[in-house]
N, C-alpha and C. Protein backbone atom coordinates (compact mmCIF):
# COMPACT_ATOMS: atom_id res chain seq x y z
N MET A 1 16.14 18.58 -11.53
CA MET A 1 15.03 17.80 -10.70
C MET A 1 15.88 18.74 -9.31
N ARG A 2 14.90 19.21 -8.71
CA ARG A 2 15.36 20.30 -6.99
C ARG A 2 15.26 19.64 -6.18
N ILE A 3 15.20 19.91 -5.06
CA ILE A 3 15.14 19.81 -3.85
C ILE A 3 14.05 20.65 -3.20
N VAL A 4 12.82 19.69 -2.61
CA VAL A 4 11.62 20.37 -2.72
C VAL A 4 11.15 20.37 -1.20
N GLY A 5 11.95 20.50 -0.03
CA GLY A 5 12.00 21.17 1.17
C GLY A 5 13.42 20.98 2.09
N GLY A 6 13.37 22.00 3.22
CA GLY A 6 14.22 21.56 4.41
C GLY A 6 15.31 23.08 3.62
N VAL A 7 16.42 22.82 4.26
CA VAL A 7 17.42 23.65 4.04
C VAL A 7 17.96 24.04 2.76
N TRP A 8 18.02 23.44 1.82
CA TRP A 8 18.37 23.12 0.29
C TRP A 8 17.27 23.37 -0.37
N ARG A 9 15.61 23.57 -0.06
CA ARG A 9 14.66 24.06 -0.71
C ARG A 9 14.78 24.81 -1.85
N GLY A 10 14.38 24.26 -3.24
CA GLY A 10 15.01 24.62 -4.52
C GLY A 10 15.92 24.56 -5.59
N ARG A 11 17.08 23.69 -4.35
CA ARG A 11 18.15 23.74 -4.93
C ARG A 11 18.03 22.84 -5.95
N GLN A 12 18.68 22.70 -6.87
CA GLN A 12 18.75 21.51 -8.22
C GLN A 12 20.31 20.96 -8.16
N ILE A 13 20.38 19.57 -8.33
CA ILE A 13 20.91 18.27 -8.35
C ILE A 13 20.40 17.51 -9.64
N LYS A 14 21.22 16.87 -9.49
CA LYS A 14 21.66 16.07 -11.24
C LYS A 14 21.27 14.78 -10.89
N ALA A 15 20.34 14.02 -11.89
CA ALA A 15 20.29 12.69 -12.09
C ALA A 15 20.92 12.02 -13.24
N PRO A 16 20.94 10.66 -13.03
CA PRO A 16 22.24 10.31 -13.81
C PRO A 16 21.26 9.91 -14.81
N ARG A 17 22.40 10.04 -16.48
CA ARG A 17 21.61 10.01 -17.51
C ARG A 17 20.97 8.86 -17.73
N GLY A 18 20.34 8.63 -19.03
CA GLY A 18 19.79 7.42 -19.66
C GLY A 18 18.22 6.84 -18.69
N SER A 19 17.87 5.73 -19.03
CA SER A 19 16.46 5.50 -18.60
C SER A 19 16.45 4.08 -17.55
N ALA A 20 17.79 3.98 -17.42
CA ALA A 20 17.80 2.95 -16.37
C ALA A 20 17.53 3.62 -15.01
N VAL A 21 17.44 4.79 -14.66
CA VAL A 21 17.04 5.73 -13.16
C VAL A 21 15.50 6.52 -13.82
N ARG A 22 14.52 6.42 -13.39
CA ARG A 22 13.58 6.86 -12.84
C ARG A 22 13.62 7.36 -11.63
N PRO A 23 13.93 9.11 -11.53
CA PRO A 23 13.64 10.05 -10.31
C PRO A 23 12.64 9.48 -9.51
N THR A 24 12.48 9.82 -8.60
CA THR A 24 11.10 10.11 -7.89
C THR A 24 10.45 11.25 -8.38
N LEU A 25 9.18 11.51 -9.23
CA LEU A 25 8.35 12.81 -9.18
C LEU A 25 8.39 13.70 -8.06
N ASP A 26 8.78 15.32 -8.41
CA ASP A 26 8.76 16.19 -6.81
C ASP A 26 7.43 16.00 -6.51
N ARG A 27 6.19 15.88 -6.59
CA ARG A 27 5.21 15.91 -6.00
C ARG A 27 4.44 14.10 -4.96
N VAL A 28 5.61 13.68 -5.92
CA VAL A 28 5.70 12.30 -4.79
C VAL A 28 6.44 12.22 -3.72
N ARG A 29 7.95 13.38 -3.95
CA ARG A 29 8.68 13.34 -2.93
C ARG A 29 8.25 13.81 -2.23
N GLU A 30 7.55 15.44 -2.75
CA GLU A 30 6.94 16.05 -1.12
C GLU A 30 5.78 15.41 -0.42
N ALA A 31 5.28 14.66 -1.04
CA ALA A 31 4.07 14.03 -0.10
C ALA A 31 5.30 12.76 0.71
N TRP A 32 5.65 12.28 0.17
CA TRP A 32 6.71 10.69 1.01
C TRP A 32 7.01 11.79 2.05
N MET A 33 7.83 12.75 1.99
CA MET A 33 8.74 13.67 3.37
C MET A 33 7.70 14.14 3.82
N SER A 34 6.51 14.42 3.71
CA SER A 34 5.59 14.99 4.29
C SER A 34 5.10 13.76 5.41
N ILE A 35 4.79 12.82 5.11
CA ILE A 35 4.67 11.53 5.29
C ILE A 35 5.32 11.19 6.65
N VAL A 36 7.00 11.50 6.12
CA VAL A 36 8.32 10.58 7.54
C VAL A 36 8.79 12.10 8.24
N GLN A 37 8.09 12.83 7.91
CA GLN A 37 8.99 14.41 8.43
C GLN A 37 9.02 14.51 10.06
N LEU A 38 8.43 13.44 10.89
CA LEU A 38 8.49 14.13 12.33
C LEU A 38 9.54 12.36 12.75
N ALA A 39 9.69 11.88 11.56
CA ALA A 39 10.81 11.26 12.13
C ALA A 39 12.28 11.05 11.41
N LEU A 40 12.16 12.32 10.50
CA LEU A 40 13.71 12.89 9.96
C LEU A 40 14.43 13.89 10.89
N PRO A 41 13.94 14.38 11.65
CA PRO A 41 15.46 15.25 12.15
C PRO A 41 15.94 14.07 13.55
N GLY A 42 17.43 14.15 12.94
CA GLY A 42 18.71 13.29 14.21
C GLY A 42 18.24 11.81 13.43
N ALA A 43 18.13 11.80 12.50
CA ALA A 43 17.67 9.92 11.95
C ALA A 43 18.84 9.93 11.31
N ARG A 44 18.97 8.54 11.58
CA ARG A 44 19.75 7.77 10.26
C ARG A 44 19.03 7.39 9.38
N VAL A 45 20.21 7.42 8.32
CA VAL A 45 18.68 7.66 7.01
C VAL A 45 20.05 6.56 6.46
N LEU A 46 19.11 5.77 5.33
CA LEU A 46 19.28 5.04 4.56
C LEU A 46 18.68 5.02 3.19
N ASP A 47 19.76 5.31 2.05
CA ASP A 47 18.53 5.30 0.44
C ASP A 47 18.90 4.19 -0.48
N LEU A 48 18.04 3.06 -0.35
CA LEU A 48 18.10 1.77 -1.42
C LEU A 48 17.81 2.03 -2.61
N PHE A 49 18.71 1.91 -4.02
CA PHE A 49 18.77 1.87 -5.41
C PHE A 49 18.56 3.66 -5.24
N ALA A 50 19.43 4.23 -4.65
CA ALA A 50 19.74 5.63 -4.68
C ALA A 50 19.72 6.72 -5.80
N GLY A 51 19.94 5.91 -7.29
CA GLY A 51 20.09 6.39 -8.35
C GLY A 51 20.87 8.16 -8.14
N SER A 52 20.01 8.97 -8.10
CA SER A 52 20.26 10.66 -8.07
C SER A 52 20.40 10.58 -6.63
N GLY A 53 20.32 9.75 -5.82
CA GLY A 53 20.34 10.37 -4.04
C GLY A 53 19.20 11.44 -3.45
N ALA A 54 17.97 11.50 -4.45
CA ALA A 54 17.30 12.71 -4.14
C ALA A 54 16.53 12.40 -2.93
N LEU A 55 16.22 11.00 -2.32
CA LEU A 55 15.47 10.79 -0.90
C LEU A 55 16.36 10.83 0.10
N GLY A 56 17.62 10.68 0.17
CA GLY A 56 18.51 10.98 1.61
C GLY A 56 18.69 11.90 1.31
N ILE A 57 18.63 13.00 0.20
CA ILE A 57 19.56 14.10 0.17
C ILE A 57 18.06 15.40 1.09
N GLU A 58 16.82 14.77 0.46
CA GLU A 58 15.71 15.41 0.98
C GLU A 58 15.97 15.57 2.36
N ALA A 59 15.97 14.11 2.93
CA ALA A 59 15.74 13.44 4.54
C ALA A 59 17.19 14.70 5.01
N LEU A 60 18.47 14.61 4.70
CA LEU A 60 19.30 15.30 5.07
C LEU A 60 18.77 17.34 5.11
N SER A 61 18.38 17.33 4.07
CA SER A 61 17.93 19.34 4.28
C SER A 61 16.92 18.85 5.40
N ARG A 62 16.05 17.94 5.27
CA ARG A 62 15.33 18.17 6.62
C ARG A 62 15.47 17.76 8.04
N GLY A 63 17.10 17.87 8.31
CA GLY A 63 17.61 17.58 9.60
C GLY A 63 17.96 16.03 9.64
N ALA A 64 17.90 14.90 9.05
CA ALA A 64 18.29 13.64 9.03
C ALA A 64 20.38 14.33 9.90
N SER A 65 20.37 13.13 10.66
CA SER A 65 21.79 13.52 10.93
C SER A 65 22.90 12.54 10.02
N SER A 66 22.59 11.51 9.23
CA SER A 66 22.85 11.43 8.11
C SER A 66 22.53 10.26 7.22
N ALA A 67 22.84 10.05 6.33
CA ALA A 67 22.62 9.64 5.22
C ALA A 67 23.49 8.54 4.25
N ASP A 68 22.97 7.52 4.27
CA ASP A 68 23.78 6.13 3.63
C ASP A 68 22.90 5.92 2.11
N PHE A 69 24.16 5.39 1.23
CA PHE A 69 22.94 5.76 -0.73
C PHE A 69 23.85 4.21 -0.94
N VAL A 70 22.93 3.58 -1.23
CA VAL A 70 23.14 2.19 -1.98
C VAL A 70 22.77 1.97 -3.69
N ASP A 71 23.64 1.47 -3.96
CA ASP A 71 23.52 1.53 -5.43
C ASP A 71 24.35 0.55 -6.05
N ALA A 72 23.98 -0.27 -7.25
CA ALA A 72 25.07 -1.22 -8.09
C ALA A 72 25.07 -0.36 -8.91
N ASP A 73 24.87 0.86 -9.39
CA ASP A 73 25.81 1.12 -10.54
C ASP A 73 26.85 2.06 -10.07
N SER A 74 28.05 2.19 -10.42
CA SER A 74 28.91 3.14 -10.15
C SER A 74 28.39 4.79 -10.77
N ARG A 75 28.10 4.79 -11.69
CA ARG A 75 27.70 6.23 -12.35
C ARG A 75 26.72 6.79 -11.70
N SER A 76 25.36 5.70 -10.87
CA SER A 76 24.42 6.50 -10.27
C SER A 76 25.68 7.57 -8.97
N LEU A 77 26.39 6.17 -8.67
CA LEU A 77 27.55 6.67 -6.94
C LEU A 77 28.01 8.13 -7.73
N ALA A 78 28.48 8.16 -8.69
CA ALA A 78 28.91 9.53 -8.70
C ALA A 78 28.51 10.50 -8.93
N VAL A 79 27.11 10.28 -9.56
CA VAL A 79 26.06 11.45 -9.59
C VAL A 79 25.56 11.90 -8.02
N VAL A 80 25.44 10.64 -7.40
CA VAL A 80 25.14 11.04 -6.12
C VAL A 80 26.08 11.64 -5.10
N ARG A 81 27.72 11.46 -5.47
CA ARG A 81 28.76 11.99 -4.70
C ARG A 81 28.86 13.48 -5.25
N SER A 82 28.26 13.95 -6.87
CA SER A 82 28.03 15.31 -6.90
C SER A 82 27.67 15.89 -6.64
N ASN A 83 26.29 15.44 -6.14
CA ASN A 83 24.99 16.18 -5.58
C ASN A 83 25.36 16.74 -4.12
N LEU A 84 26.21 15.73 -3.25
CA LEU A 84 26.45 15.93 -1.85
C LEU A 84 27.40 17.11 -2.11
N GLU A 85 28.46 16.65 -2.57
CA GLU A 85 29.50 18.27 -2.95
C GLU A 85 29.20 19.09 -3.06
N LEU A 86 28.15 19.26 -4.03
CA LEU A 86 27.64 20.31 -4.64
C LEU A 86 26.47 20.95 -3.45
N LEU A 87 26.29 20.35 -2.45
CA LEU A 87 25.62 20.64 -0.91
C LEU A 87 26.49 20.76 -0.12
N GLY A 88 27.68 20.39 -0.04
CA GLY A 88 28.24 20.36 1.52
C GLY A 88 28.04 19.45 2.34
N ALA A 89 27.54 18.21 2.10
CA ALA A 89 26.92 17.70 2.56
C ALA A 89 27.52 16.05 3.03
N THR A 90 28.93 15.86 2.06
CA THR A 90 30.10 14.93 2.00
C THR A 90 29.73 14.42 3.64
N ASP A 91 30.15 14.83 4.31
CA ASP A 91 30.25 14.87 5.96
C ASP A 91 29.81 14.34 6.45
N GLN A 92 28.34 14.14 6.16
CA GLN A 92 27.00 13.54 7.06
C GLN A 92 26.90 12.38 5.84
N SER A 93 27.24 11.69 4.93
CA SER A 93 26.56 10.69 4.32
C SER A 93 27.92 9.51 3.61
N SER A 94 27.74 8.49 3.34
CA SER A 94 28.67 7.07 2.89
C SER A 94 27.89 7.23 1.66
N LEU A 95 28.64 6.38 0.79
CA LEU A 95 28.33 5.78 -0.49
C LEU A 95 28.42 4.07 -0.62
N ILE A 96 27.71 3.40 -1.08
CA ILE A 96 27.95 1.69 -0.56
C ILE A 96 27.54 1.35 -2.23
N ARG A 97 28.40 0.81 -2.60
CA ARG A 97 28.30 0.31 -4.24
C ARG A 97 28.07 -1.13 -3.79
N ALA A 98 26.97 -1.45 -4.04
CA ALA A 98 26.29 -2.83 -3.38
C ALA A 98 24.85 -3.43 -4.28
N ASP A 99 24.42 -4.47 -4.58
CA ASP A 99 23.21 -5.07 -4.79
C ASP A 99 22.07 -4.23 -3.25
N ALA A 100 21.13 -3.87 -4.08
CA ALA A 100 20.92 -3.42 -2.73
C ALA A 100 19.49 -4.45 -2.00
N VAL A 101 19.58 -5.25 -2.68
CA VAL A 101 18.54 -6.41 -1.86
C VAL A 101 19.09 -7.20 -1.17
N ASP A 102 20.42 -7.52 -1.46
CA ASP A 102 21.62 -8.22 -0.66
C ASP A 102 21.85 -7.46 0.71
N PHE A 103 22.27 -6.11 -0.04
CA PHE A 103 22.80 -5.06 1.51
C PHE A 103 21.59 -5.37 2.46
N ALA A 104 20.45 -5.29 1.83
CA ALA A 104 18.95 -5.34 3.19
C ALA A 104 19.17 -6.85 3.72
N GLY A 105 19.52 -7.53 2.79
CA GLY A 105 19.09 -8.64 3.63
C GLY A 105 20.23 -9.34 4.39
N ARG A 106 21.70 -8.08 4.66
CA ARG A 106 22.47 -8.42 5.63
C ARG A 106 22.61 -7.54 7.13
N LEU A 107 21.63 -6.66 7.06
CA LEU A 107 21.39 -5.53 7.73
C LEU A 107 20.65 -6.23 9.23
N PRO A 108 21.53 -5.58 10.36
CA PRO A 108 20.87 -6.19 11.39
C PRO A 108 19.72 -5.41 12.17
N ALA A 109 18.83 -5.96 12.82
CA ALA A 109 17.62 -5.16 13.30
C ALA A 109 17.99 -3.78 13.56
N ASP A 110 16.99 -2.94 13.02
CA ASP A 110 17.52 -1.22 14.10
C ASP A 110 18.80 -0.67 13.29
N SER A 111 19.03 -1.10 12.58
CA SER A 111 20.12 -0.13 11.38
C SER A 111 20.33 0.91 11.22
N TYR A 112 18.74 1.54 11.11
CA TYR A 112 18.81 2.70 10.80
C TYR A 112 17.28 3.50 11.43
N ASP A 113 17.05 4.55 11.41
CA ASP A 113 15.74 4.69 11.74
C ASP A 113 14.84 4.98 10.34
N VAL A 114 15.39 5.94 9.55
CA VAL A 114 14.29 5.56 8.57
C VAL A 114 14.94 5.18 6.87
N VAL A 115 14.24 4.27 6.26
CA VAL A 115 14.62 3.52 4.83
C VAL A 115 14.12 4.36 4.05
N PHE A 116 15.02 4.55 2.91
CA PHE A 116 14.01 4.82 1.37
C PHE A 116 14.31 3.60 0.66
N ALA A 117 13.23 3.12 0.12
CA ALA A 117 13.90 2.40 -1.29
C ALA A 117 12.60 2.79 -2.24
N ASP A 118 13.86 2.82 -3.58
CA ASP A 118 13.34 3.13 -4.92
C ASP A 118 13.14 2.46 -5.74
N PRO A 119 12.95 0.89 -6.24
CA PRO A 119 13.65 -0.06 -6.72
C PRO A 119 12.89 -0.17 -8.32
N PRO A 120 13.76 -0.40 -9.35
CA PRO A 120 13.05 0.05 -10.44
C PRO A 120 11.70 -0.85 -10.90
N TYR A 121 10.83 -0.23 -10.74
CA TYR A 121 8.83 -0.94 -11.19
C TYR A 121 9.29 -2.30 -11.79
N VAL A 122 10.22 -2.85 -12.87
CA VAL A 122 10.17 -3.94 -13.51
C VAL A 122 10.92 -5.19 -12.34
N SER A 123 11.17 -4.80 -11.89
CA SER A 123 11.94 -5.80 -10.93
C SER A 123 10.65 -6.07 -9.81
N ASN A 124 11.35 -7.25 -8.66
CA ASN A 124 10.56 -7.64 -7.35
C ASN A 124 10.92 -7.38 -6.51
N ALA A 125 11.91 -5.87 -6.65
CA ALA A 125 13.01 -5.88 -5.81
C ALA A 125 11.86 -5.49 -4.21
N CYS A 126 10.94 -4.13 -4.76
CA CYS A 126 10.07 -4.00 -3.65
C CYS A 126 9.71 -4.85 -2.65
N VAL A 127 8.85 -5.97 -3.11
CA VAL A 127 8.33 -7.04 -2.68
C VAL A 127 9.62 -7.92 -1.84
N ARG A 128 10.62 -7.81 -2.40
CA ARG A 128 11.62 -8.68 -2.10
C ARG A 128 12.07 -7.79 -0.57
N ILE A 129 12.28 -6.53 -0.78
CA ILE A 129 12.86 -5.64 0.31
C ILE A 129 11.97 -5.26 1.53
N ALA A 130 10.43 -5.60 1.33
CA ALA A 130 9.43 -5.47 2.36
C ALA A 130 9.49 -6.80 3.39
N GLU A 131 9.79 -7.99 2.30
CA GLU A 131 9.93 -9.37 2.69
C GLU A 131 10.92 -9.41 3.88
N ILE A 132 11.97 -8.97 3.61
CA ILE A 132 13.44 -9.37 4.48
C ILE A 132 13.15 -8.11 5.54
N TRP A 133 12.47 -6.87 5.24
CA TRP A 133 12.45 -5.92 6.97
C TRP A 133 11.04 -6.89 7.41
N LEU A 134 10.28 -7.58 6.94
CA LEU A 134 9.00 -7.76 8.12
C LEU A 134 9.66 -8.89 8.38
N ARG A 135 10.87 -10.08 8.22
CA ARG A 135 11.11 -10.68 8.96
C ARG A 135 12.60 -9.94 10.34
N SER A 136 13.06 -9.00 9.54
CA SER A 136 13.80 -8.81 10.77
C SER A 136 14.18 -6.77 10.49
N PRO A 137 12.81 -6.16 11.09
CA PRO A 137 13.07 -5.03 10.67
C PRO A 137 14.49 -4.15 10.93
N PHE A 138 15.32 -3.75 9.97
CA PHE A 138 16.64 -2.86 9.97
C PHE A 138 16.09 -1.74 9.68
N SER A 139 14.80 -0.71 10.29
CA SER A 139 15.04 0.52 10.18
C SER A 139 13.57 0.43 11.14
N GLY A 140 13.13 1.53 11.95
CA GLY A 140 11.74 1.99 12.76
C GLY A 140 10.79 2.28 11.24
N LEU A 141 11.28 2.86 10.40
CA LEU A 141 10.26 3.01 9.45
C LEU A 141 10.83 2.49 7.90
N LEU A 142 10.38 1.87 6.78
CA LEU A 142 10.34 1.73 5.63
C LEU A 142 9.75 2.30 4.75
N GLY A 143 10.21 2.82 3.54
CA GLY A 143 9.29 3.80 2.71
C GLY A 143 10.04 2.90 1.32
N ILE A 144 9.07 2.23 0.73
CA ILE A 144 9.04 1.47 -0.73
C ILE A 144 7.85 2.22 -1.84
N GLU A 145 8.81 3.00 -2.70
CA GLU A 145 8.32 3.40 -3.77
C GLU A 145 8.28 2.02 -5.06
N HIS A 146 6.72 1.86 -5.35
CA HIS A 146 6.73 0.86 -6.46
C HIS A 146 5.26 1.16 -7.50
N SER A 147 5.39 0.66 -8.78
CA SER A 147 4.22 0.76 -9.56
C SER A 147 2.90 0.74 -8.65
N ARG A 148 1.76 1.50 -9.35
CA ARG A 148 0.56 1.69 -8.66
C ARG A 148 0.05 0.47 -8.31
N SER A 149 0.37 -0.61 -9.33
CA SER A 149 -0.62 -1.48 -9.49
C SER A 149 0.15 -3.17 -8.73
N GLN A 150 1.15 -2.70 -8.04
CA GLN A 150 2.32 -3.57 -7.39
C GLN A 150 1.18 -3.86 -5.79
N VAL A 151 1.44 -5.36 -5.85
CA VAL A 151 0.91 -5.89 -4.42
C VAL A 151 2.03 -6.32 -3.95
N MET A 152 1.55 -5.43 -2.42
CA MET A 152 2.55 -5.64 -1.72
C MET A 152 2.36 -6.20 -0.12
N PRO A 153 3.50 -6.72 0.27
CA PRO A 153 3.17 -7.83 1.29
C PRO A 153 2.22 -6.96 2.51
N GLU A 154 1.13 -7.73 3.47
CA GLU A 154 0.51 -7.21 4.25
C GLU A 154 1.70 -6.35 5.52
N GLY A 155 1.08 -5.79 5.75
CA GLY A 155 1.39 -4.71 6.83
C GLY A 155 1.93 -3.66 7.06
N GLY A 156 1.76 -2.85 5.62
CA GLY A 156 1.90 -1.53 5.27
C GLY A 156 0.93 -0.96 5.30
N ASP A 157 0.80 0.66 4.87
CA ASP A 157 0.10 1.65 4.70
C ASP A 157 0.63 2.08 3.00
N THR A 158 -0.65 1.80 1.99
CA THR A 158 0.01 2.23 0.29
C THR A 158 -0.88 3.27 0.14
N ARG A 159 0.29 4.59 0.09
CA ARG A 159 -0.45 5.81 -0.92
C ARG A 159 -0.11 5.89 -2.35
N ARG A 160 -1.37 6.27 -3.09
CA ARG A 160 -0.87 6.08 -4.44
C ARG A 160 -0.69 7.41 -5.31
N TYR A 161 0.15 7.97 -5.77
CA TYR A 161 -0.03 9.32 -6.41
C TYR A 161 0.64 9.16 -7.95
N GLY A 162 -0.58 9.06 -8.76
CA GLY A 162 -0.83 9.35 -10.09
C GLY A 162 -0.49 7.35 -10.14
N ASP A 163 0.83 6.93 -11.55
CA ASP A 163 1.17 5.60 -11.73
C ASP A 163 1.89 4.76 -10.66
N SER A 164 2.23 5.65 -9.95
CA SER A 164 3.60 5.03 -8.42
C SER A 164 2.48 4.89 -6.87
N GLY A 165 2.95 3.76 -6.28
CA GLY A 165 2.48 3.83 -4.97
C GLY A 165 3.90 3.80 -3.88
N VAL A 166 3.29 4.23 -3.04
CA VAL A 166 4.48 4.11 -1.90
C VAL A 166 4.17 3.46 -0.50
N THR A 167 4.79 2.23 -0.32
CA THR A 167 4.24 1.43 1.02
C THR A 167 4.99 1.88 2.14
N PHE A 168 4.54 1.93 3.23
CA PHE A 168 5.31 1.96 4.41
C PHE A 168 4.94 1.21 5.50
N TYR A 169 6.24 0.55 6.13
CA TYR A 169 5.87 -0.17 7.18
C TYR A 169 6.83 0.36 8.66
N ARG A 170 5.97 0.32 9.46
CA ARG A 170 6.35 0.98 10.70
C ARG A 170 6.65 -0.20 11.90
């Protein structure tokens, strides 16, 4: 897996082993980042369901000032830590072991500038994260990856890429 843009463009990062993590495809990540690129310089970023940390790392590569990575799996967080160490980005980031939906539900309004969420497609977490944000917007911009067929709550702008969809709430 590689970083697709910014100062670390082309650098390789690791993804957690096994089928529990489905890394966002390069072309989807590239499209996602091009949509949010103007919001990234200096942004406080949150990567929910972090997995490899690729989305938060892409944001740091493109000028975000900080990124917090949330995942319930300690093995995923170990991979994120390894990727951040490889890139020299540990000072700009923090790792949080928690259920991402519960974590989002406790966030006060405007906690972050940009939030990425890439939950497992088989869960209903994408809808739950959107509903939490719609009740109390914890960021200026929320992007959620989901299966193409998933119906998301009203108020978002959905883009489709192959089997994936990404819905943006502002």
